[in-house]
């Protein structure tokens, strides 16, 4: 079982547009949004599959906190999920962080030898979390000159690869070169592993 001694998130959800602008919300407001997220079909689905894999989550598994780092949230192996209230503003953003990090928790649960300090293991887990259509839409929004591009012209794989690289390079154990090598090494196998989903969500 992986986990940093200093309890830093072993995976990050990445930044959303409002996170970059600052503002955010209070921890209490964010905790209320987390509770609403827990009632959504996708979150219920992921919780159910965590339990089927032998990893039920308690009421304090997902916590709203103020984060010093510019991230939307993260998963701490063995410690749960943090959602960064001071970097989020919308219910949808909170829900997407919860979904993203629950997928990491699921991967951590089902793989007895998952090591978050191993760049290839981290890259493999990011492949599934990057498949969400909503995440791809957000990725398109940050590309330059979007106003002159049609989405069909932007390769979907490039968007997923960019998100994987962004997350893995944020891992203190992975340099940019190591992250790229790891992503390329595991891409074919891990991209096609969509568990707990039957297909890409």
Protein backbone atom coordinates (compact mmCIF):
# COMPACT_ATOMS: atom_id res chain seq x y z
CA UNK A 1 0.00 0.00 0.00
CA UNK A 2 1.41 3.36 -1.00
CA UNK A 3 1.22 6.56 0.97
CA UNK A 4 3.35 9.55 1.75
CA UNK A 5 4.45 9.94 5.34
CA UNK A 6 3.67 13.63 5.22
CA UNK A 7 0.09 12.91 4.06
CA UNK A 8 0.40 14.87 0.84
CA UNK A 9 -2.10 13.77 -1.80
CA UNK A 10 -0.65 10.95 -3.88
CA UNK A 11 -2.77 12.02 -6.82
CA UNK A 12 -4.19 15.37 -7.81
CA UNK A 13 -7.39 16.26 -9.55
CA UNK A 14 -5.81 19.15 -11.39
CA UNK A 15 -7.00 22.71 -11.63
CA UNK A 16 -10.29 23.92 -13.01
CA UNK A 17 -10.78 27.38 -14.46
CA UNK A 18 -12.25 28.88 -11.29
CA UNK A 19 -9.46 27.34 -9.22
CA UNK A 20 -6.95 29.37 -11.17
CA UNK A 21 -8.95 32.56 -10.59
CA UNK A 22 -9.07 32.08 -6.81
CA UNK A 23 -12.00 33.07 -4.66
CA UNK A 24 -13.19 29.66 -3.69
CA UNK A 25 -15.63 28.91 -0.88
CA UNK A 26 -15.58 28.11 2.81
CA UNK A 27 -14.83 24.63 4.10
CA UNK A 28 -18.42 24.37 5.36
CA UNK A 29 -19.88 25.32 1.97
CA UNK A 30 -17.61 22.80 0.27
CA UNK A 31 -18.53 20.06 2.77
CA UNK A 32 -22.21 20.66 1.95
CA UNK A 33 -21.42 20.31 -1.75
CA UNK A 34 -19.54 17.06 -1.06
CA UNK A 35 -22.68 15.73 0.63
CA UNK A 36 -24.71 16.61 -2.47
CA UNK A 37 -22.06 14.91 -4.64
CA UNK A 38 -22.49 11.70 -2.65
CA UNK A 39 -26.08 11.51 -3.92
CA UNK A 40 -25.15 11.63 -7.63
CA UNK A 41 -25.40 8.40 -9.68
CA UNK A 42 -21.70 8.32 -10.65
CA UNK A 43 -20.48 8.76 -7.07
CA UNK A 44 -22.93 6.12 -5.83
CA UNK A 45 -21.65 3.77 -8.55
CA UNK A 46 -18.02 4.28 -7.52
CA UNK A 47 -18.78 3.86 -3.81
CA UNK A 48 -20.63 0.62 -4.58
CA UNK A 49 -17.64 -0.73 -6.52
CA UNK A 50 -15.24 0.27 -3.76
CA UNK A 51 -17.37 -1.70 -1.30
CA UNK A 52 -17.51 -4.71 -3.67
CA UNK A 53 -13.71 -4.59 -3.78
CA UNK A 54 -13.56 -4.70 0.00
CA UNK A 55 -12.89 -1.02 0.61
CA UNK A 56 -15.90 0.65 2.16
CA UNK A 57 -15.46 4.33 2.88
CA UNK A 58 -16.47 6.00 6.12
CA UNK A 59 -18.25 9.30 6.64
CA UNK A 60 -14.94 11.15 7.03
CA UNK A 61 -13.26 9.64 3.94
CA UNK A 62 -13.94 12.75 1.81
CA UNK A 63 -13.04 16.03 3.53
CA UNK A 64 -13.20 19.68 2.53
CA UNK A 65 -10.01 21.54 3.43
CA UNK A 66 -8.15 24.73 2.56
CA UNK A 67 -5.17 23.83 0.38
CA UNK A 68 -1.91 25.73 0.06
CA UNK A 69 -1.07 24.12 -3.28
CA UNK A 70 -2.93 25.23 -6.40
CA UNK A 71 -4.93 22.03 -6.86
CA UNK A 72 -8.60 21.12 -6.74
CA UNK A 73 -8.10 18.08 -4.53
CA UNK A 74 -6.27 14.83 -4.10
CA UNK A 75 -6.29 11.27 -2.86
CA UNK A 76 -4.05 10.25 0.05
CA UNK A 77 -3.44 6.50 0.03
CA UNK A 78 -4.86 5.09 3.24
CA UNK A 79 -6.10 8.51 4.30
CA UNK A 80 -8.98 9.43 2.03
CA UNK A 81 -9.85 12.29 -0.29
CA UNK A 82 -9.33 16.00 0.20
CA UNK A 83 -11.35 18.58 -1.73
CA UNK A 84 -9.78 22.04 -1.80
CA UNK A 85 -12.58 24.41 -0.87
CA UNK A 86 -10.51 27.54 -1.43
CA UNK A 87 -9.87 26.60 -5.07
CA UNK A 88 -13.42 25.64 -6.10
CA UNK A 89 -16.63 27.58 -6.56
CA UNK A 90 -19.25 25.37 -8.20
CA UNK A 91 -21.11 22.20 -7.26
CA UNK A 92 -20.07 20.57 -10.54
CA UNK A 93 -16.40 21.20 -9.78
CA UNK A 94 -16.70 19.56 -6.36
CA UNK A 95 -18.53 16.57 -7.84
CA UNK A 96 -15.89 16.09 -10.54
CA UNK A 97 -13.09 16.18 -7.94
CA UNK A 98 -14.93 13.58 -5.85
CA UNK A 99 -15.40 11.34 -8.90
CA UNK A 100 -11.79 11.71 -10.03
CA UNK A 101 -10.37 10.89 -6.61
CA UNK A 102 -12.79 8.00 -6.00
CA UNK A 103 -11.42 6.38 -9.16
CA UNK A 104 -7.92 6.66 -7.66
CA UNK A 105 -9.24 5.19 -4.40
CA UNK A 106 -10.76 2.31 -6.37
CA UNK A 107 -7.47 1.66 -8.19
CA UNK A 108 -5.65 1.75 -4.86
CA UNK A 109 -8.14 -0.72 -3.40
CA UNK A 110 -8.08 -3.27 -6.22
CA UNK A 111 -4.32 -3.27 -6.80
CA UNK A 112 -2.54 -4.66 -3.78
CA UNK A 113 0.84 -3.56 -5.14
CA UNK A 114 -0.12 -0.07 -6.34
CA UNK A 115 2.73 2.29 -5.49
CA UNK A 116 1.97 6.00 -5.90
CA UNK A 117 5.71 6.77 -5.87
CA UNK A 118 6.01 4.67 -9.05
CA UNK A 119 5.40 6.97 -12.03
CA UNK A 120 4.03 4.14 -14.20
CA UNK A 121 1.48 3.13 -11.55
CA UNK A 122 0.36 6.75 -11.16
CA UNK A 123 0.12 7.25 -14.95
CA UNK A 124 -1.97 4.10 -15.28
CA UNK A 125 -4.48 5.29 -12.70
CA UNK A 126 -4.72 8.69 -14.40
CA UNK A 127 -5.67 7.09 -17.73
CA UNK A 128 -9.14 6.13 -16.47
CA UNK A 129 -9.78 9.40 -14.64
CA UNK A 130 -8.93 11.29 -17.83
CA UNK A 131 -11.62 9.57 -19.89
CA UNK A 132 -14.56 11.59 -18.59
CA UNK A 133 -16.23 13.59 -21.41
CA UNK A 134 -16.65 16.54 -19.04
CA UNK A 135 -12.93 16.55 -18.31
CA UNK A 136 -12.22 16.50 -22.03
CA UNK A 137 -14.55 19.45 -22.54
CA UNK A 138 -12.72 21.37 -19.82
CA UNK A 139 -9.44 20.47 -21.49
CA UNK A 140 -10.66 22.00 -24.74
CA UNK A 141 -11.52 25.21 -22.91
CA UNK A 142 -7.92 25.80 -21.87
CA UNK A 143 -6.45 25.35 -25.34
CA UNK A 144 -5.40 28.59 -27.05
CA UNK A 145 -7.42 29.97 -29.97
CA UNK A 146 -10.40 27.76 -29.17
CA UNK A 147 -12.71 30.30 -30.83
CA UNK A 148 -11.30 29.33 -34.26
CA UNK A 149 -11.24 25.59 -33.63
CA UNK A 150 -13.97 23.02 -33.81
CA UNK A 151 -13.72 20.21 -31.20
CA UNK A 152 -13.55 17.61 -33.99
CA UNK A 153 -10.16 19.10 -34.99
CA UNK A 154 -8.61 18.50 -31.56
CA UNK A 155 -7.37 14.93 -30.99
CA UNK A 156 -9.01 13.43 -27.91
CA UNK A 157 -5.92 11.37 -27.09
CA UNK A 158 -3.82 14.53 -26.87
CA UNK A 159 -6.23 15.91 -24.28
CA UNK A 160 -6.03 12.77 -22.16
CA UNK A 161 -2.25 12.61 -22.46
CA UNK A 162 -1.96 16.24 -21.39
CA UNK A 163 -4.06 15.60 -18.27
CA UNK A 164 -2.07 12.47 -17.38
CA UNK A 165 1.22 14.37 -17.76
CA UNK A 166 -0.07 17.28 -15.67
CA UNK A 167 -1.03 15.00 -12.80
CA UNK A 168 1.99 12.70 -12.87
CA UNK A 169 4.51 15.55 -13.07
CA UNK A 170 2.87 16.99 -9.94
CA UNK A 171 3.96 13.80 -8.14
CA UNK A 172 7.16 14.70 -6.25
CA UNK A 173 8.64 11.34 -7.27
CA UNK A 174 8.22 11.93 -11.01
CA UNK A 175 10.24 14.30 -13.17
CA UNK A 176 8.73 15.42 -16.46
CA UNK A 177 10.93 12.97 -18.37
CA UNK A 178 10.06 10.10 -16.01
CA UNK A 179 6.35 10.96 -16.25
CA UNK A 180 6.46 10.94 -20.05
CA UNK A 181 8.37 7.64 -20.19
CA UNK A 182 5.95 6.09 -17.70
CA UNK A 183 2.87 7.28 -19.59
CA UNK A 184 4.17 5.91 -22.90
CA UNK A 185 5.14 2.59 -21.30
CA UNK A 186 1.71 1.89 -19.82
CA UNK A 187 -0.55 3.70 -22.31
CA UNK A 188 -1.89 0.79 -24.38
CA UNK A 189 -2.66 -1.48 -21.43
CA UNK A 190 -3.96 1.16 -19.03
CA UNK A 191 -5.99 3.17 -21.53
CA UNK A 192 -8.03 0.04 -22.25
CA UNK A 193 -8.51 -0.75 -18.54
CA UNK A 194 -11.65 1.23 -17.75
CA UNK A 195 -12.61 -0.53 -14.51
CA UNK A 196 -14.85 -0.06 -12.62
CA UNK A 197 -16.63 1.09 -15.79
CA UNK A 198 -17.62 -1.35 -18.54
CA UNK A 199 -16.38 1.24 -21.02
CA UNK A 200 -15.03 4.77 -20.98
CA UNK A 201 -17.44 6.95 -18.97
